[in-house]
């Protein structure tokens, strides 16, 4: 697939993934302390609090530009937000004159859902008729994050966010 994308200048090969943070759930971090052990505080959402419980960031690492397209959304990743992200990507690529996005992503439940699969089928049929950006998917094997080139970027972002939170 990588070689195929390289031979078509109007195709984009991209690695997609998402990360999310909860305001009400503590991150899974390890700590060593020689003094009093750290205690986690239970967080609850106050009645009437308008802010979302979570924030998700969808990303696509493009191999043609070596840049990451990011989209932040309120809430955690779900099928409807994934579809909105894919629509947004197609609009961005259409504006650049691209014809196809070869998308590499993992087996998250919201990637494999019936809702997303149905949307993809309808989208590609309509895109083919209208000459718009089509999506070709490549699912990564289960539990193989090292194959997704965007993963190191998420790890770096999480480290920076958690180090800022500790300060």
N, C-alpha and C. Protein backbone atom coordinates (compact mmCIF):
# COMPACT_ATOMS: atom_id res chain seq x y z
N UNK A 1 0.82 -1.19 0.00
CA UNK A 1 0.00 0.00 0.00
C UNK A 1 0.87 1.26 0.00
N UNK A 2 1.96 1.21 0.75
CA UNK A 2 2.86 2.37 0.81
C UNK A 2 3.43 2.66 -0.58
N UNK A 3 3.88 1.62 -1.29
CA UNK A 3 4.41 1.81 -2.63
C UNK A 3 3.33 2.28 -3.60
N UNK A 4 2.13 1.76 -3.45
CA UNK A 4 1.03 2.15 -4.32
C UNK A 4 0.71 3.64 -4.15
N UNK A 5 0.67 4.11 -2.92
CA UNK A 5 0.39 5.52 -2.67
C UNK A 5 1.49 6.41 -3.24
N UNK A 6 2.73 5.94 -3.19
CA UNK A 6 3.85 6.74 -3.70
C UNK A 6 3.79 6.92 -5.21
N UNK A 7 3.13 6.01 -5.92
CA UNK A 7 3.05 6.11 -7.38
C UNK A 7 1.90 6.98 -7.87
N UNK A 8 1.03 7.40 -6.97
CA UNK A 8 -0.12 8.24 -7.34
C UNK A 8 -0.01 9.58 -6.63
N UNK A 9 0.31 10.65 -7.32
CA UNK A 9 0.47 11.96 -6.66
C UNK A 9 -0.83 12.52 -6.07
N UNK A 10 -1.96 12.01 -6.50
CA UNK A 10 -3.23 12.52 -5.96
C UNK A 10 -3.76 11.67 -4.82
N UNK A 11 -2.97 10.70 -4.37
CA UNK A 11 -3.34 9.86 -3.23
C UNK A 11 -2.52 10.27 -2.02
N UNK A 12 -3.09 10.11 -0.85
CA UNK A 12 -2.41 10.42 0.41
C UNK A 12 -2.43 9.17 1.27
N UNK A 13 -1.26 8.81 1.78
CA UNK A 13 -1.17 7.74 2.77
C UNK A 13 -1.11 8.39 4.14
N UNK A 14 -2.00 7.98 5.03
CA UNK A 14 -2.04 8.58 6.35
C UNK A 14 -2.26 7.56 7.44
N UNK A 15 -1.67 7.86 8.61
CA UNK A 15 -1.83 7.03 9.80
C UNK A 15 -2.74 7.78 10.76
N UNK A 16 -3.88 7.22 11.09
CA UNK A 16 -4.87 7.90 11.92
C UNK A 16 -4.99 7.22 13.28
N UNK A 17 -5.29 8.03 14.26
CA UNK A 17 -5.53 7.53 15.60
C UNK A 17 -6.16 8.66 16.39
N UNK A 18 -6.57 8.34 17.58
CA UNK A 18 -7.14 9.34 18.46
C UNK A 18 -6.68 9.08 19.88
N UNK A 19 -6.72 10.14 20.65
CA UNK A 19 -6.36 10.06 22.06
C UNK A 19 -7.40 10.89 22.81
N UNK A 20 -7.67 10.51 24.05
CA UNK A 20 -8.64 11.30 24.80
C UNK A 20 -8.26 11.36 26.26
N UNK A 21 -8.72 12.43 26.88
CA UNK A 21 -8.45 12.68 28.29
C UNK A 21 -9.77 12.94 29.00
N UNK A 22 -9.87 12.44 30.20
CA UNK A 22 -11.06 12.65 31.01
C UNK A 22 -10.74 13.61 32.14
N UNK A 23 -11.63 14.55 32.38
CA UNK A 23 -11.45 15.46 33.52
C UNK A 23 -11.71 14.73 34.83
N UNK A 24 -12.45 13.64 34.77
CA UNK A 24 -12.90 12.98 35.98
C UNK A 24 -12.17 11.67 36.27
N UNK A 25 -11.24 11.29 35.44
CA UNK A 25 -10.52 10.04 35.64
C UNK A 25 -9.03 10.35 35.68
N UNK A 26 -8.34 9.83 36.66
CA UNK A 26 -6.91 10.08 36.79
C UNK A 26 -6.15 9.30 35.73
N UNK A 27 -5.05 9.89 35.23
CA UNK A 27 -4.24 9.16 34.25
C UNK A 27 -3.54 7.98 34.91
N UNK A 28 -3.19 6.99 34.13
CA UNK A 28 -2.47 5.82 34.63
C UNK A 28 -0.98 6.12 34.63
N UNK A 29 -0.49 6.66 35.73
CA UNK A 29 0.92 7.01 35.85
C UNK A 29 1.51 6.29 37.05
N UNK A 30 2.77 5.94 36.93
CA UNK A 30 3.47 5.31 38.04
C UNK A 30 4.30 6.37 38.76
N UNK A 31 4.41 6.25 40.06
CA UNK A 31 5.18 7.21 40.81
C UNK A 31 5.98 6.51 41.89
N UNK A 32 7.17 6.98 42.13
CA UNK A 32 8.02 6.48 43.20
C UNK A 32 8.23 7.62 44.17
N UNK A 33 8.09 7.34 45.42
CA UNK A 33 8.25 8.40 46.41
C UNK A 33 8.90 7.82 47.65
N UNK A 34 9.77 8.61 48.25
CA UNK A 34 10.43 8.16 49.47
C UNK A 34 9.71 8.70 50.70
N UNK A 35 8.81 9.63 50.48
CA UNK A 35 8.08 10.23 51.59
C UNK A 35 6.67 9.64 51.65
N UNK A 36 5.73 10.45 51.97
CA UNK A 36 4.34 10.02 52.05
C UNK A 36 3.83 9.62 50.67
N UNK A 37 3.18 8.48 50.56
CA UNK A 37 2.65 8.07 49.25
C UNK A 37 1.61 9.06 48.73
N UNK A 38 1.57 9.19 47.42
CA UNK A 38 0.58 10.07 46.81
C UNK A 38 -0.80 9.44 46.88
N UNK A 39 -1.81 10.25 47.09
CA UNK A 39 -3.19 9.78 47.14
C UNK A 39 -3.95 10.44 45.99
N UNK A 40 -4.74 9.65 45.30
CA UNK A 40 -5.55 10.19 44.23
C UNK A 40 -6.86 10.73 44.79
N UNK A 41 -7.25 11.84 44.26
CA UNK A 41 -8.49 12.47 44.67
C UNK A 41 -9.60 12.03 43.72
N UNK A 42 -10.74 11.64 44.28
CA UNK A 42 -11.87 11.25 43.44
C UNK A 42 -12.51 12.51 42.89
N UNK A 43 -12.65 12.56 41.59
CA UNK A 43 -13.22 13.72 40.92
C UNK A 43 -14.65 13.41 40.49
N UNK A 44 -15.54 14.35 40.69
CA UNK A 44 -16.93 14.20 40.26
C UNK A 44 -17.35 15.46 39.52
N UNK A 45 -18.26 15.29 38.60
CA UNK A 45 -18.79 16.42 37.86
C UNK A 45 -19.89 17.08 38.68
N UNK A 46 -19.76 18.36 38.87
CA UNK A 46 -20.74 19.11 39.65
C UNK A 46 -22.02 19.29 38.84
N UNK A 47 -23.17 19.26 39.50
CA UNK A 47 -24.43 19.50 38.78
C UNK A 47 -24.41 20.88 38.11
N UNK A 48 -24.82 20.91 36.88
CA UNK A 48 -24.86 22.17 36.15
C UNK A 48 -23.54 22.54 35.48
N UNK A 49 -22.52 21.71 35.63
CA UNK A 49 -21.22 21.97 34.99
C UNK A 49 -21.38 21.80 33.48
N UNK A 50 -21.18 22.88 32.69
CA UNK A 50 -21.39 22.78 31.24
C UNK A 50 -20.24 22.13 30.48
N UNK A 51 -19.09 22.01 31.10
CA UNK A 51 -17.93 21.46 30.40
C UNK A 51 -18.08 19.94 30.21
N UNK A 52 -17.57 19.43 29.10
CA UNK A 52 -17.66 17.99 28.85
C UNK A 52 -16.78 17.20 29.82
N UNK A 53 -17.13 15.94 30.02
CA UNK A 53 -16.33 15.07 30.90
C UNK A 53 -14.99 14.73 30.28
N UNK A 54 -14.93 14.71 28.96
CA UNK A 54 -13.71 14.29 28.28
C UNK A 54 -13.44 15.17 27.07
N UNK A 55 -12.21 15.12 26.61
CA UNK A 55 -11.77 15.81 25.41
C UNK A 55 -11.02 14.80 24.56
N UNK A 56 -11.38 14.71 23.30
CA UNK A 56 -10.70 13.78 22.39
C UNK A 56 -9.98 14.56 21.31
N UNK A 57 -8.89 14.00 20.85
CA UNK A 57 -8.13 14.59 19.76
C UNK A 57 -7.94 13.51 18.69
N UNK A 58 -8.48 13.76 17.52
CA UNK A 58 -8.28 12.88 16.38
C UNK A 58 -7.10 13.42 15.58
N UNK A 59 -6.29 12.54 15.04
CA UNK A 59 -5.15 12.98 14.26
C UNK A 59 -4.88 12.09 13.06
N UNK A 60 -4.29 12.71 12.03
CA UNK A 60 -3.87 11.99 10.84
C UNK A 60 -2.45 12.44 10.51
N UNK A 61 -1.50 11.50 10.55
CA UNK A 61 -0.13 11.77 10.15
C UNK A 61 -0.02 11.46 8.66
N UNK A 62 0.21 12.50 7.88
CA UNK A 62 0.32 12.35 6.42
C UNK A 62 1.76 12.06 6.03
N UNK A 63 1.96 11.06 5.19
CA UNK A 63 3.32 10.73 4.77
C UNK A 63 3.81 11.65 3.65
N UNK A 64 2.89 12.27 2.91
CA UNK A 64 3.31 13.16 1.82
C UNK A 64 3.86 14.49 2.34
N UNK A 65 3.32 15.00 3.43
CA UNK A 65 3.77 16.28 3.99
C UNK A 65 4.50 16.10 5.32
N UNK A 66 4.40 14.91 5.91
CA UNK A 66 4.97 14.61 7.22
C UNK A 66 4.42 15.55 8.30
N UNK A 67 3.17 15.93 8.15
CA UNK A 67 2.50 16.78 9.12
C UNK A 67 1.28 16.05 9.67
N UNK A 68 0.83 16.53 10.84
CA UNK A 68 -0.33 15.91 11.48
C UNK A 68 -1.51 16.88 11.43
N UNK A 69 -2.61 16.41 10.92
CA UNK A 69 -3.86 17.17 10.96
C UNK A 69 -4.58 16.77 12.24
N UNK A 70 -4.93 17.75 13.06
CA UNK A 70 -5.57 17.48 14.35
C UNK A 70 -6.98 18.06 14.36
N UNK A 71 -7.85 17.36 15.09
CA UNK A 71 -9.21 17.86 15.30
C UNK A 71 -9.62 17.48 16.72
N UNK A 72 -9.93 18.48 17.52
CA UNK A 72 -10.35 18.28 18.90
C UNK A 72 -11.87 18.28 18.98
N UNK A 73 -12.41 17.39 19.80
CA UNK A 73 -13.86 17.30 19.97
C UNK A 73 -14.18 17.08 21.44
N UNK A 74 -15.34 17.53 21.84
CA UNK A 74 -15.81 17.29 23.21
C UNK A 74 -16.30 15.86 23.30
N UNK A 75 -15.88 15.18 24.34
CA UNK A 75 -16.30 13.80 24.55
C UNK A 75 -15.19 12.83 24.20
N UNK A 76 -15.53 11.56 24.31
CA UNK A 76 -14.56 10.52 23.98
C UNK A 76 -14.84 10.03 22.56
N UNK A 77 -13.87 9.34 21.94
CA UNK A 77 -14.09 8.87 20.57
C UNK A 77 -15.25 7.87 20.48
N UNK A 78 -16.17 8.16 19.60
CA UNK A 78 -17.29 7.26 19.30
C UNK A 78 -17.51 7.28 17.79
N UNK A 79 -18.35 6.42 17.31
CA UNK A 79 -18.56 6.29 15.86
C UNK A 79 -18.96 7.60 15.20
N UNK A 80 -19.89 8.32 15.76
CA UNK A 80 -20.37 9.56 15.13
C UNK A 80 -19.25 10.59 15.02
N UNK A 81 -18.41 10.71 16.04
CA UNK A 81 -17.29 11.65 15.99
C UNK A 81 -16.23 11.18 15.00
N UNK A 82 -16.05 9.88 14.88
CA UNK A 82 -15.10 9.33 13.92
C UNK A 82 -15.55 9.64 12.50
N UNK A 83 -16.84 9.50 12.23
CA UNK A 83 -17.38 9.82 10.91
C UNK A 83 -17.19 11.31 10.61
N UNK A 84 -17.45 12.15 11.59
CA UNK A 84 -17.25 13.60 11.40
C UNK A 84 -15.79 13.91 11.09
N UNK A 85 -14.87 13.22 11.75
CA UNK A 85 -13.44 13.41 11.48
C UNK A 85 -13.09 12.98 10.05
N UNK A 86 -13.61 11.84 9.62
CA UNK A 86 -13.34 11.36 8.27
C UNK A 86 -13.92 12.31 7.22
N UNK A 87 -15.11 12.83 7.47
CA UNK A 87 -15.70 13.81 6.56
C UNK A 87 -14.83 15.06 6.46
N UNK A 88 -14.34 15.52 7.61
CA UNK A 88 -13.47 16.70 7.66
C UNK A 88 -12.19 16.46 6.88
N UNK A 89 -11.59 15.27 7.06
CA UNK A 89 -10.37 14.94 6.32
C UNK A 89 -10.62 14.96 4.82
N UNK A 90 -11.74 14.37 4.40
CA UNK A 90 -12.06 14.34 2.97
C UNK A 90 -12.23 15.74 2.41
N UNK A 91 -12.87 16.62 3.17
CA UNK A 91 -13.03 18.01 2.73
C UNK A 91 -11.67 18.70 2.58
N UNK A 92 -10.77 18.48 3.55
CA UNK A 92 -9.44 19.09 3.50
C UNK A 92 -8.67 18.58 2.28
N UNK A 93 -8.72 17.29 2.05
CA UNK A 93 -7.98 16.70 0.92
C UNK A 93 -8.60 17.08 -0.42
N UNK A 94 -9.92 17.19 -0.46
CA UNK A 94 -10.61 17.61 -1.69
C UNK A 94 -10.15 19.01 -2.09
N UNK A 95 -9.99 19.89 -1.10
CA UNK A 95 -9.53 21.26 -1.37
C UNK A 95 -8.11 21.28 -1.94
N UNK A 96 -7.32 20.25 -1.66
CA UNK A 96 -5.95 20.14 -2.18
C UNK A 96 -5.91 19.42 -3.53
N UNK A 97 -7.05 18.95 -4.00
CA UNK A 97 -7.10 18.25 -5.27
C UNK A 97 -6.73 16.78 -5.18
N UNK A 98 -6.80 16.20 -4.00
CA UNK A 98 -6.49 14.78 -3.81
C UNK A 98 -7.70 13.94 -4.18
N UNK A 99 -7.44 12.68 -4.54
CA UNK A 99 -8.52 11.78 -4.96
C UNK A 99 -8.78 10.65 -3.99
N UNK A 100 -7.76 10.27 -3.19
CA UNK A 100 -7.94 9.13 -2.30
C UNK A 100 -7.08 9.29 -1.05
N UNK A 101 -7.60 8.77 0.05
CA UNK A 101 -6.87 8.70 1.31
C UNK A 101 -6.72 7.23 1.66
N UNK A 102 -5.49 6.75 1.67
CA UNK A 102 -5.20 5.38 2.11
C UNK A 102 -4.95 5.49 3.60
N UNK A 103 -5.88 5.02 4.38
CA UNK A 103 -5.91 5.26 5.81
C UNK A 103 -5.49 4.02 6.58
N UNK A 104 -4.46 4.17 7.40
CA UNK A 104 -3.99 3.09 8.27
C UNK A 104 -4.44 3.43 9.68
N UNK A 105 -5.18 2.52 10.31
CA UNK A 105 -5.60 2.76 11.69
C UNK A 105 -5.79 1.45 12.43
N UNK A 106 -6.00 1.55 13.73
CA UNK A 106 -6.07 0.35 14.57
C UNK A 106 -7.49 -0.22 14.59
N UNK A 107 -7.70 -1.17 15.47
CA UNK A 107 -8.99 -1.87 15.55
C UNK A 107 -9.85 -1.37 16.70
N UNK A 108 -9.86 -0.08 16.93
CA UNK A 108 -10.72 0.47 17.97
C UNK A 108 -12.18 0.16 17.64
N UNK A 109 -12.97 -0.02 18.66
CA UNK A 109 -14.36 -0.43 18.44
C UNK A 109 -15.12 0.59 17.59
N UNK A 110 -14.82 1.86 17.72
CA UNK A 110 -15.52 2.88 16.94
C UNK A 110 -15.01 2.92 15.50
N UNK A 111 -13.88 2.27 15.17
CA UNK A 111 -13.43 2.14 13.79
C UNK A 111 -14.15 0.97 13.11
N UNK A 112 -14.45 -0.05 13.89
CA UNK A 112 -15.04 -1.28 13.35
C UNK A 112 -16.56 -1.31 13.42
N UNK A 113 -17.16 -0.29 13.99
CA UNK A 113 -18.61 -0.31 14.22
C UNK A 113 -19.40 -0.39 12.91
N UNK A 114 -20.58 -0.92 13.01
CA UNK A 114 -21.47 -1.02 11.84
C UNK A 114 -21.78 0.37 11.29
N UNK A 115 -21.92 1.35 12.17
CA UNK A 115 -22.22 2.71 11.75
C UNK A 115 -21.10 3.27 10.87
N UNK A 116 -19.85 3.08 11.26
CA UNK A 116 -18.71 3.59 10.48
C UNK A 116 -18.57 2.81 9.18
N UNK A 117 -18.71 1.49 9.23
CA UNK A 117 -18.59 0.69 8.02
C UNK A 117 -19.67 1.05 6.99
N UNK A 118 -20.89 1.25 7.46
CA UNK A 118 -21.98 1.64 6.55
C UNK A 118 -21.70 3.01 5.95
N UNK A 119 -21.26 3.95 6.78
CA UNK A 119 -20.94 5.29 6.28
C UNK A 119 -19.84 5.22 5.22
N UNK A 120 -18.79 4.43 5.48
CA UNK A 120 -17.69 4.31 4.52
C UNK A 120 -18.16 3.77 3.17
N UNK A 121 -19.02 2.76 3.21
CA UNK A 121 -19.53 2.18 1.96
C UNK A 121 -20.31 3.23 1.17
N UNK A 122 -21.21 3.95 1.85
CA UNK A 122 -22.01 4.97 1.16
C UNK A 122 -21.13 6.13 0.69
N UNK A 123 -20.18 6.53 1.52
CA UNK A 123 -19.29 7.63 1.16
C UNK A 123 -18.49 7.29 -0.10
N UNK A 124 -17.90 6.10 -0.15
CA UNK A 124 -17.08 5.74 -1.30
C UNK A 124 -17.89 5.61 -2.58
N UNK A 125 -19.12 5.13 -2.47
CA UNK A 125 -19.98 5.07 -3.66
C UNK A 125 -20.28 6.47 -4.18
N UNK A 126 -20.66 7.36 -3.27
CA UNK A 126 -20.98 8.74 -3.66
C UNK A 126 -19.73 9.47 -4.17
N UNK A 127 -18.59 9.23 -3.52
CA UNK A 127 -17.35 9.89 -3.92
C UNK A 127 -16.91 9.44 -5.31
N UNK A 128 -17.08 8.18 -5.60
CA UNK A 128 -16.71 7.67 -6.94
C UNK A 128 -17.56 8.34 -8.02
N UNK A 129 -18.87 8.46 -7.76
CA UNK A 129 -19.77 9.10 -8.74
C UNK A 129 -19.46 10.58 -8.91
N UNK A 130 -19.15 11.27 -7.81
CA UNK A 130 -18.96 12.72 -7.84
C UNK A 130 -17.50 13.13 -8.05
N UNK A 131 -16.58 12.18 -8.11
CA UNK A 131 -15.18 12.52 -8.29
C UNK A 131 -14.55 13.15 -7.06
N UNK A 132 -15.00 12.71 -5.89
CA UNK A 132 -14.47 13.25 -4.63
C UNK A 132 -13.49 12.26 -4.00
N UNK A 133 -12.97 12.61 -2.83
CA UNK A 133 -11.96 11.81 -2.15
C UNK A 133 -12.57 10.51 -1.63
N UNK A 134 -11.97 9.38 -2.04
CA UNK A 134 -12.37 8.07 -1.55
C UNK A 134 -11.46 7.66 -0.41
N UNK A 135 -11.93 6.75 0.42
CA UNK A 135 -11.17 6.24 1.56
C UNK A 135 -10.89 4.76 1.36
N UNK A 136 -9.62 4.39 1.44
CA UNK A 136 -9.21 2.99 1.39
C UNK A 136 -8.58 2.68 2.74
N UNK A 137 -9.11 1.67 3.42
CA UNK A 137 -8.68 1.39 4.79
C UNK A 137 -7.71 0.22 4.88
N UNK A 138 -6.79 0.35 5.81
CA UNK A 138 -5.90 -0.74 6.15
C UNK A 138 -5.93 -0.87 7.67
N UNK A 139 -6.55 -1.94 8.14
CA UNK A 139 -6.63 -2.19 9.59
C UNK A 139 -5.32 -2.80 10.06
N UNK A 140 -4.78 -2.28 11.14
CA UNK A 140 -3.58 -2.84 11.74
C UNK A 140 -3.94 -4.08 12.56
N UNK A 141 -2.99 -4.98 12.75
CA UNK A 141 -3.26 -6.13 13.61
C UNK A 141 -3.57 -5.68 15.04
N UNK A 142 -4.33 -6.47 15.76
CA UNK A 142 -4.69 -6.16 17.13
C UNK A 142 -3.44 -6.05 17.99
N UNK A 143 -3.46 -5.08 18.90
CA UNK A 143 -2.37 -4.85 19.86
C UNK A 143 -1.01 -4.70 19.20
N UNK A 144 -0.96 -3.81 18.19
CA UNK A 144 0.31 -3.54 17.51
C UNK A 144 0.50 -2.04 17.31
N UNK A 145 0.51 -1.26 18.39
CA UNK A 145 0.61 0.20 18.23
C UNK A 145 1.92 0.65 17.57
N UNK A 146 2.98 -0.14 17.64
CA UNK A 146 4.24 0.25 17.05
C UNK A 146 4.17 0.33 15.52
N UNK A 147 3.13 -0.25 14.91
CA UNK A 147 2.97 -0.19 13.46
C UNK A 147 2.30 1.11 13.01
N UNK A 148 1.70 1.83 13.94
CA UNK A 148 1.03 3.07 13.59
C UNK A 148 1.99 4.23 13.88
N UNK A 149 2.42 4.89 12.83
CA UNK A 149 3.46 5.93 12.94
C UNK A 149 3.03 7.16 13.74
N UNK A 150 1.76 7.30 14.02
CA UNK A 150 1.31 8.46 14.79
C UNK A 150 1.44 8.22 16.30
N UNK A 151 1.55 6.98 16.73
CA UNK A 151 1.60 6.65 18.16
C UNK A 151 2.69 7.39 18.94
N UNK A 152 3.94 7.48 18.44
CA UNK A 152 4.96 8.20 19.20
C UNK A 152 4.59 9.67 19.45
N UNK A 153 3.84 10.26 18.55
CA UNK A 153 3.42 11.65 18.73
C UNK A 153 2.42 11.76 19.89
N UNK A 154 1.51 10.79 20.01
CA UNK A 154 0.57 10.79 21.13
C UNK A 154 1.30 10.59 22.45
N UNK A 155 2.27 9.68 22.46
CA UNK A 155 3.01 9.43 23.70
C UNK A 155 3.74 10.69 24.15
N UNK A 156 4.34 11.40 23.22
CA UNK A 156 5.03 12.64 23.56
C UNK A 156 4.05 13.69 24.09
N UNK A 157 2.90 13.81 23.47
CA UNK A 157 1.90 14.77 23.92
C UNK A 157 1.40 14.43 25.33
N UNK A 158 1.15 13.14 25.59
CA UNK A 158 0.68 12.73 26.91
C UNK A 158 1.73 13.00 27.98
N UNK A 159 3.00 12.76 27.67
CA UNK A 159 4.07 13.02 28.63
C UNK A 159 4.13 14.51 28.96
N UNK A 160 4.03 15.33 27.95
CA UNK A 160 4.09 16.78 28.18
C UNK A 160 2.89 17.26 28.99
N UNK A 161 1.72 16.74 28.69
CA UNK A 161 0.54 17.16 29.45
C UNK A 161 0.62 16.69 30.90
N UNK A 162 1.05 15.46 31.13
CA UNK A 162 1.10 14.96 32.50
C UNK A 162 2.21 15.65 33.29
N UNK A 163 3.32 16.04 32.65
CA UNK A 163 4.38 16.74 33.37
C UNK A 163 3.93 18.15 33.73
N UNK A 164 3.15 18.78 32.88
CA UNK A 164 2.63 20.11 33.19
C UNK A 164 1.62 20.04 34.33
N UNK A 165 0.83 18.96 34.35
CA UNK A 165 -0.18 18.80 35.41
C UNK A 165 0.49 18.61 36.77
N UNK A 166 1.64 17.97 36.77
CA UNK A 166 2.33 17.69 38.03
C UNK A 166 2.99 18.95 38.59
N UNK A 167 3.30 19.93 37.74
CA UNK A 167 3.98 21.16 38.18
C UNK A 167 3.05 22.15 38.81
